[in-house]
C-alpha atoms as a PDB file:
ATOM      1  CA  UNK A   1       0.000   0.000   0.000  1.00  0.00           C
ATOM      2  CA  UNK A   2       1.159   3.498  -0.843  1.00  0.00           C
ATOM      3  CA  UNK A   3      -0.190   6.651   0.807  1.00  0.00           C
ATOM      4  CA  UNK A   4      -0.149  10.360  -0.045  1.00  0.00           C
ATOM      5  CA  UNK A   5      -0.237  12.950   2.748  1.00  0.00           C
ATOM      6  CA  UNK A   6       0.013  16.740   2.711  1.00  0.00           C
ATOM      7  CA  UNK A   7      -1.870  19.971   3.254  1.00  0.00           C
ATOM      8  CA  UNK A   8      -5.436  20.324   2.002  1.00  0.00           C
ATOM      9  CA  UNK A   9      -5.256  21.105  -1.703  1.00  0.00           C
ATOM     10  CA  UNK A  10      -1.717  19.800  -2.182  1.00  0.00           C
ATOM     11  CA  UNK A  11      -2.904  17.520  -4.992  1.00  0.00           C
ATOM     12  CA  UNK A  12      -3.166  14.194  -3.183  1.00  0.00           C
ATOM     13  CA  UNK A  13      -6.335  13.038  -4.935  1.00  0.00           C
ATOM     14  CA  UNK A  14      -5.439  14.260  -8.419  1.00  0.00           C
ATOM     15  CA  UNK A  15      -1.879  12.946  -8.263  1.00  0.00           C
ATOM     16  CA  UNK A  16      -2.998   9.758  -6.514  1.00  0.00           C
ATOM     17  CA  UNK A  17      -5.466   8.868  -9.267  1.00  0.00           C
ATOM     18  CA  UNK A  18      -2.835   9.345 -11.964  1.00  0.00           C
ATOM     19  CA  UNK A  19      -0.160   7.450 -10.063  1.00  0.00           C
ATOM     20  CA  UNK A  20      -2.529   4.560  -9.317  1.00  0.00           C
ATOM     21  CA  UNK A  21      -3.368   4.373 -13.009  1.00  0.00           C
ATOM     22  CA  UNK A  22       0.337   4.470 -13.954  1.00  0.00           C
ATOM     23  CA  UNK A  23       1.086   1.676 -11.487  1.00  0.00           C
ATOM     24  CA  UNK A  24      -2.034  -0.301 -12.419  1.00  0.00           C
ATOM     25  CA  UNK A  25      -3.469  -0.437  -8.918  1.00  0.00           C
ATOM     26  CA  UNK A  26      -6.621   0.624  -7.124  1.00  0.00           C
ATOM     27  CA  UNK A  27      -7.131   4.107  -5.744  1.00  0.00           C
ATOM     28  CA  UNK A  28      -8.919   5.025  -2.502  1.00  0.00           C
ATOM     29  CA  UNK A  29      -9.580   8.528  -1.198  1.00  0.00           C
ATOM     30  CA  UNK A  30     -10.116   8.311   2.573  1.00  0.00           C
ATOM     31  CA  UNK A  31     -12.298  11.442   2.526  1.00  0.00           C
ATOM     32  CA  UNK A  32     -14.669   9.779   0.044  1.00  0.00           C
ATOM     33  CA  UNK A  33     -14.832   6.660   2.224  1.00  0.00           C
ATOM     34  CA  UNK A  34     -15.616   8.853   5.236  1.00  0.00           C
ATOM     35  CA  UNK A  35     -18.377  10.719   3.371  1.00  0.00           C
ATOM     36  CA  UNK A  36     -19.939   7.436   2.235  1.00  0.00           C
ATOM     37  CA  UNK A  37     -19.894   6.166   5.812  1.00  0.00           C
ATOM     38  CA  UNK A  38     -21.355   9.389   7.230  1.00  0.00           C
ATOM     39  CA  UNK A  39     -23.954   9.861   4.516  1.00  0.00           C
ATOM     40  CA  UNK A  40     -23.063  13.540   4.210  1.00  0.00           C
ATOM     41  CA  UNK A  41     -20.164  15.775   3.250  1.00  0.00           C
ATOM     42  CA  UNK A  42     -17.226  16.219   5.580  1.00  0.00           C
ATOM     43  CA  UNK A  43     -18.006  19.938   5.721  1.00  0.00           C
ATOM     44  CA  UNK A  44     -21.595  19.234   6.892  1.00  0.00           C
ATOM     45  CA  UNK A  45     -20.434  16.689   9.490  1.00  0.00           C
ATOM     46  CA  UNK A  46     -17.682  19.038  10.662  1.00  0.00           C
ATOM     47  CA  UNK A  47     -20.222  21.838  11.071  1.00  0.00           C
ATOM     48  CA  UNK A  48     -22.742  19.690  12.943  1.00  0.00           C
ATOM     49  CA  UNK A  49     -20.416  17.621  15.161  1.00  0.00           C
ATOM     50  CA  UNK A  50     -17.059  19.419  15.285  1.00  0.00           C
ATOM     51  CA  UNK A  51     -13.512  18.492  14.398  1.00  0.00           C
ATOM     52  CA  UNK A  52     -12.934  15.984  17.221  1.00  0.00           C
ATOM     53  CA  UNK A  53     -15.897  13.828  16.137  1.00  0.00           C
ATOM     54  CA  UNK A  54     -14.693  13.956  12.541  1.00  0.00           C
ATOM     55  CA  UNK A  55     -11.166  12.921  13.589  1.00  0.00           C
ATOM     56  CA  UNK A  56     -12.643   9.916  15.459  1.00  0.00           C
ATOM     57  CA  UNK A  57     -14.332   8.705  12.274  1.00  0.00           C
ATOM     58  CA  UNK A  58     -11.217   9.448  10.208  1.00  0.00           C
ATOM     59  CA  UNK A  59      -9.050   7.412  12.609  1.00  0.00           C
ATOM     60  CA  UNK A  60     -11.389   4.422  12.362  1.00  0.00           C
ATOM     61  CA  UNK A  61     -11.413   4.594   8.545  1.00  0.00           C
ATOM     62  CA  UNK A  62      -7.607   4.878   8.316  1.00  0.00           C
ATOM     63  CA  UNK A  63      -7.195   1.887  10.637  1.00  0.00           C
ATOM     64  CA  UNK A  64      -9.614  -0.204   8.560  1.00  0.00           C
ATOM     65  CA  UNK A  65      -8.144   0.750   5.170  1.00  0.00           C
ATOM     66  CA  UNK A  66      -4.533   0.204   6.187  1.00  0.00           C
ATOM     67  CA  UNK A  67      -5.220  -3.054   8.059  1.00  0.00           C
ATOM     68  CA  UNK A  68      -5.894  -4.907   4.804  1.00  0.00           C
ATOM     69  CA  UNK A  69      -2.669  -5.644   2.913  1.00  0.00           C
ATOM     70  CA  UNK A  70      -3.391  -4.818  -0.693  1.00  0.00           C
ATOM     71  CA  UNK A  71      -1.849  -3.161  -3.687  1.00  0.00           C
ATOM     72  CA  UNK A  72      -3.481   0.249  -3.720  1.00  0.00           C
ATOM     73  CA  UNK A  73      -2.799   3.940  -3.479  1.00  0.00           C
ATOM     74  CA  UNK A  74      -4.452   5.852  -0.630  1.00  0.00           C
ATOM     75  CA  UNK A  75      -5.061   9.595  -0.649  1.00  0.00           C
ATOM     76  CA  UNK A  76      -5.717  11.040   2.808  1.00  0.00           C
ATOM     77  CA  UNK A  77      -7.229  14.187   4.229  1.00  0.00           C
ATOM     78  CA  UNK A  78      -4.831  16.966   5.133  1.00  0.00           C
ATOM     79  CA  UNK A  79      -5.259  16.535   8.890  1.00  0.00           C
ATOM     80  CA  UNK A  80      -4.790  12.774   9.009  1.00  0.00           C
ATOM     81  CA  UNK A  81      -1.404  13.216  10.727  1.00  0.00           C
ATOM     82  CA  UNK A  82      -2.938  14.972  13.726  1.00  0.00           C
ATOM     83  CA  UNK A  83      -3.741  11.650  15.388  1.00  0.00           C
ATOM     84  CA  UNK A  84      -0.804   9.553  16.535  1.00  0.00           C
ATOM     85  CA  UNK A  85      -2.659   6.325  15.728  1.00  0.00           C
ATOM     86  CA  UNK A  86      -3.041   7.447  12.118  1.00  0.00           C
ATOM     87  CA  UNK A  87       0.657   8.312  11.845  1.00  0.00           C
ATOM     88  CA  UNK A  88       1.606   4.905  13.249  1.00  0.00           C
ATOM     89  CA  UNK A  89      -0.789   2.975  10.990  1.00  0.00           C
ATOM     90  CA  UNK A  90       0.196   4.860   7.861  1.00  0.00           C
ATOM     91  CA  UNK A  91       3.942   4.645   8.421  1.00  0.00           C
ATOM     92  CA  UNK A  92       3.975   0.985   9.501  1.00  0.00           C
ATOM     93  CA  UNK A  93       1.400  -0.349   7.042  1.00  0.00           C
ATOM     94  CA  UNK A  94       2.206   1.624   3.893  1.00  0.00           C
ATOM     95  CA  UNK A  95       4.876   3.575   2.098  1.00  0.00           C
ATOM     96  CA  UNK A  96       4.070   7.239   2.670  1.00  0.00           C
ATOM     97  CA  UNK A  97       4.794  10.159   0.346  1.00  0.00           C
ATOM     98  CA  UNK A  98       4.459  13.719   1.673  1.00  0.00           C
ATOM     99  CA  UNK A  99       3.394  16.086  -1.109  1.00  0.00           C
ATOM    100  CA  UNK A 100       4.947  19.293   0.173  1.00  0.00           C
ATOM    101  CA  UNK A 101       3.362  22.294  -1.505  1.00  0.00           C
ATOM    102  CA  UNK A 102       3.787  25.967  -0.648  1.00  0.00           C
ATOM    103  CA  UNK A 103       0.720  27.390   1.132  1.00  0.00           C
ATOM    104  CA  UNK A 104       0.498  30.371  -1.239  1.00  0.00           C
ATOM    105  CA  UNK A 105       0.533  28.054  -4.278  1.00  0.00           C
ATOM    106  CA  UNK A 106      -2.270  25.975  -2.771  1.00  0.00           C
ATOM    107  CA  UNK A 107      -4.281  29.100  -1.911  1.00  0.00           C
ATOM    108  CA  UNK A 108      -4.125  30.242  -5.538  1.00  0.00           C
ATOM    109  CA  UNK A 109      -5.442  26.867  -6.707  1.00  0.00           C
ATOM    110  CA  UNK A 110      -8.207  26.787  -4.073  1.00  0.00           C
ATOM    111  CA  UNK A 111      -9.399  30.387  -4.232  1.00  0.00           C
ATOM    112  CA  UNK A 112     -12.900  29.321  -5.399  1.00  0.00           C
ATOM    113  CA  UNK A 113     -13.142  26.065  -3.405  1.00  0.00           C
ATOM    114  CA  UNK A 114     -15.820  26.145  -0.688  1.00  0.00           C
ATOM    115  CA  UNK A 115     -15.717  22.459   0.319  1.00  0.00           C
ATOM    116  CA  UNK A 116     -12.814  22.528   2.784  1.00  0.00           C
ATOM    117  CA  UNK A 117     -14.049  23.230   6.327  1.00  0.00           C
ATOM    118  CA  UNK A 118     -10.708  24.314   7.783  1.00  0.00           C
ATOM    119  CA  UNK A 119     -10.231  26.938   5.063  1.00  0.00           C
ATOM    120  CA  UNK A 120     -13.605  28.652   5.516  1.00  0.00           C
ATOM    121  CA  UNK A 121     -13.951  32.030   7.161  1.00  0.00           C
ATOM    122  CA  UNK A 122     -10.497  33.495   6.644  1.00  0.00           C
ATOM    123  CA  UNK A 123      -7.825  34.172   4.067  1.00  0.00           C
ATOM    124  CA  UNK A 124      -6.809  30.721   2.738  1.00  0.00           C
ATOM    125  CA  UNK A 125      -3.141  31.777   2.458  1.00  0.00           C
ATOM    126  CA  UNK A 126      -3.009  32.708   6.128  1.00  0.00           C
ATOM    127  CA  UNK A 127      -4.855  29.560   7.206  1.00  0.00           C
ATOM    128  CA  UNK A 128      -2.685  27.293   5.031  1.00  0.00           C
ATOM    129  CA  UNK A 129       0.474  28.833   6.495  1.00  0.00           C
ATOM    130  CA  UNK A 130      -0.902  28.127   9.992  1.00  0.00           C
ATOM    131  CA  UNK A 131      -1.703  24.533   9.018  1.00  0.00           C
ATOM    132  CA  UNK A 132       1.788  24.108   7.551  1.00  0.00           C
ATOM    133  CA  UNK A 133       3.316  25.432  10.763  1.00  0.00           C
ATOM    134  CA  UNK A 134       1.199  23.010  12.854  1.00  0.00           C
ATOM    135  CA  UNK A 135       1.553  19.932  10.639  1.00  0.00           C
ATOM    136  CA  UNK A 136       4.842  20.057   8.718  1.00  0.00           C
ATOM    137  CA  UNK A 137       6.857  18.173  11.359  1.00  0.00           C
ATOM    138  CA  UNK A 138       4.090  15.549  11.598  1.00  0.00           C
ATOM    139  CA  UNK A 139       4.078  15.082   7.818  1.00  0.00           C
ATOM    140  CA  UNK A 140       7.868  14.671   7.847  1.00  0.00           C
ATOM    141  CA  UNK A 141       7.740  12.183  10.734  1.00  0.00           C
ATOM    142  CA  UNK A 142       5.090  10.097   8.960  1.00  0.00           C
ATOM    143  CA  UNK A 143       6.517  10.116   5.446  1.00  0.00           C
ATOM    144  CA  UNK A 144       9.088   7.792   3.970  1.00  0.00           C
ATOM    145  CA  UNK A 145       9.586  10.286   1.123  1.00  0.00           C
ATOM    146  CA  UNK A 146       8.987  14.020   0.687  1.00  0.00           C
ATOM    147  CA  UNK A 147       8.172  15.322  -2.777  1.00  0.00           C
ATOM    148  CA  UNK A 148       8.278  19.106  -3.207  1.00  0.00           C
ATOM    149  CA  UNK A 149       5.456  19.939  -5.595  1.00  0.00           C
ATOM    150  CA  UNK A 150       5.375  23.732  -5.831  1.00  0.00           C
ATOM    151  CA  UNK A 151       5.445  25.098  -9.345  1.00  0.00           C
ATOM    152  CA  UNK A 152       5.266  21.626 -10.889  1.00  0.00           C
ATOM    153  CA  UNK A 153       2.452  20.341 -13.064  1.00  0.00           C
ATOM    154  CA  UNK A 154       0.512  17.258 -11.997  1.00  0.00           C
ATOM    155  CA  UNK A 155       2.327  15.246 -14.673  1.00  0.00           C
ATOM    156  CA  UNK A 156       5.705  16.443 -13.408  1.00  0.00           C
ATOM    157  CA  UNK A 157       4.820  15.528  -9.813  1.00  0.00           C
ATOM    158  CA  UNK A 158       3.636  12.058 -10.876  1.00  0.00           C
ATOM    159  CA  UNK A 159       6.891  11.495 -12.786  1.00  0.00           C
ATOM    160  CA  UNK A 160       9.008  12.794  -9.906  1.00  0.00           C
ATOM    161  CA  UNK A 161       7.168  10.610  -7.402  1.00  0.00           C
ATOM    162  CA  UNK A 162       7.421   7.519  -9.594  1.00  0.00           C
ATOM    163  CA  UNK A 163      11.126   8.135 -10.135  1.00  0.00           C
ATOM    164  CA  UNK A 164      11.739   8.633  -6.397  1.00  0.00           C
ATOM    165  CA  UNK A 165       9.832   5.439  -5.666  1.00  0.00           C
ATOM    166  CA  UNK A 166      11.878   3.415  -8.115  1.00  0.00           C
ATOM    167  CA  UNK A 167      15.137   4.781  -6.685  1.00  0.00           C
ATOM    168  CA  UNK A 168      14.077   4.057  -3.105  1.00  0.00           C
ATOM    169  CA  UNK A 169      14.475   1.007  -0.958  1.00  0.00           C
ATOM    170  CA  UNK A 170      10.937  -0.303  -1.588  1.00  0.00           C
ATOM    171  CA  UNK A 171       9.514  -2.392  -4.410  1.00  0.00           C
ATOM    172  CA  UNK A 172       7.098  -0.513  -6.659  1.00  0.00           C
ATOM    173  CA  UNK A 173       4.969  -1.680  -9.543  1.00  0.00           C
ATOM    174  CA  UNK A 174       6.278  -0.974 -13.006  1.00  0.00           C
ATOM    175  CA  UNK A 175       4.080   1.365 -15.071  1.00  0.00           C
ATOM    176  CA  UNK A 176       0.756  -0.112 -16.236  1.00  0.00           C
ATOM    177  CA  UNK A 177       0.769  -2.963 -13.733  1.00  0.00           C
ATOM    178  CA  UNK A 178       3.783  -4.818 -15.107  1.00  0.00           C
ATOM    179  CA  UNK A 179       6.347  -6.693 -13.052  1.00  0.00           C
ATOM    180  CA  UNK A 180       7.579  -5.172  -9.826  1.00  0.00           C
ATOM    181  CA  UNK A 181      10.481  -2.792 -10.149  1.00  0.00           C
ATOM    182  CA  UNK A 182      13.320  -3.819  -7.877  1.00  0.00           C
ATOM    183  CA  UNK A 183      15.334  -1.356  -5.831  1.00  0.00           C
ATOM    184  CA  UNK A 184      18.808  -0.463  -6.969  1.00  0.00           C
END
């Protein structure tokens, strides 16, 4: 299992879908699994029940997804690293890539996005910088690899990530589901 972590809007879902397709494996977005389980959007649940209740559900979903050994790529919510149990499960049960994007770059991409509860009500650039300050060390501690994504296209990030994976100490699928690439 391979997992993408990073700030909200760092490209985890978009990049994850393309990378899963390149590697010929399944793709799961933990936020979509959570919304299916809740029967409503994360923003609505967040508003009605608060962040702590949401994090409880998120922790349960992460534990369940990562407990099943399978060849898949998992995209997580930006705050998944806030819970120690999530960090432990992700790091021990999958290979984790931190998509490190500059807060101002993310804010430009998300300027019209109203679906992210932690970015509502204030300047997204300011809020994203706060989130980076709070979470960066947790992302680094959880990740096996850090991929700096600022100013790169989605295609460039996918290529960079795939190249880093193949150069690393882990086995990764060859493009299009072929034989496993072996580490060098």
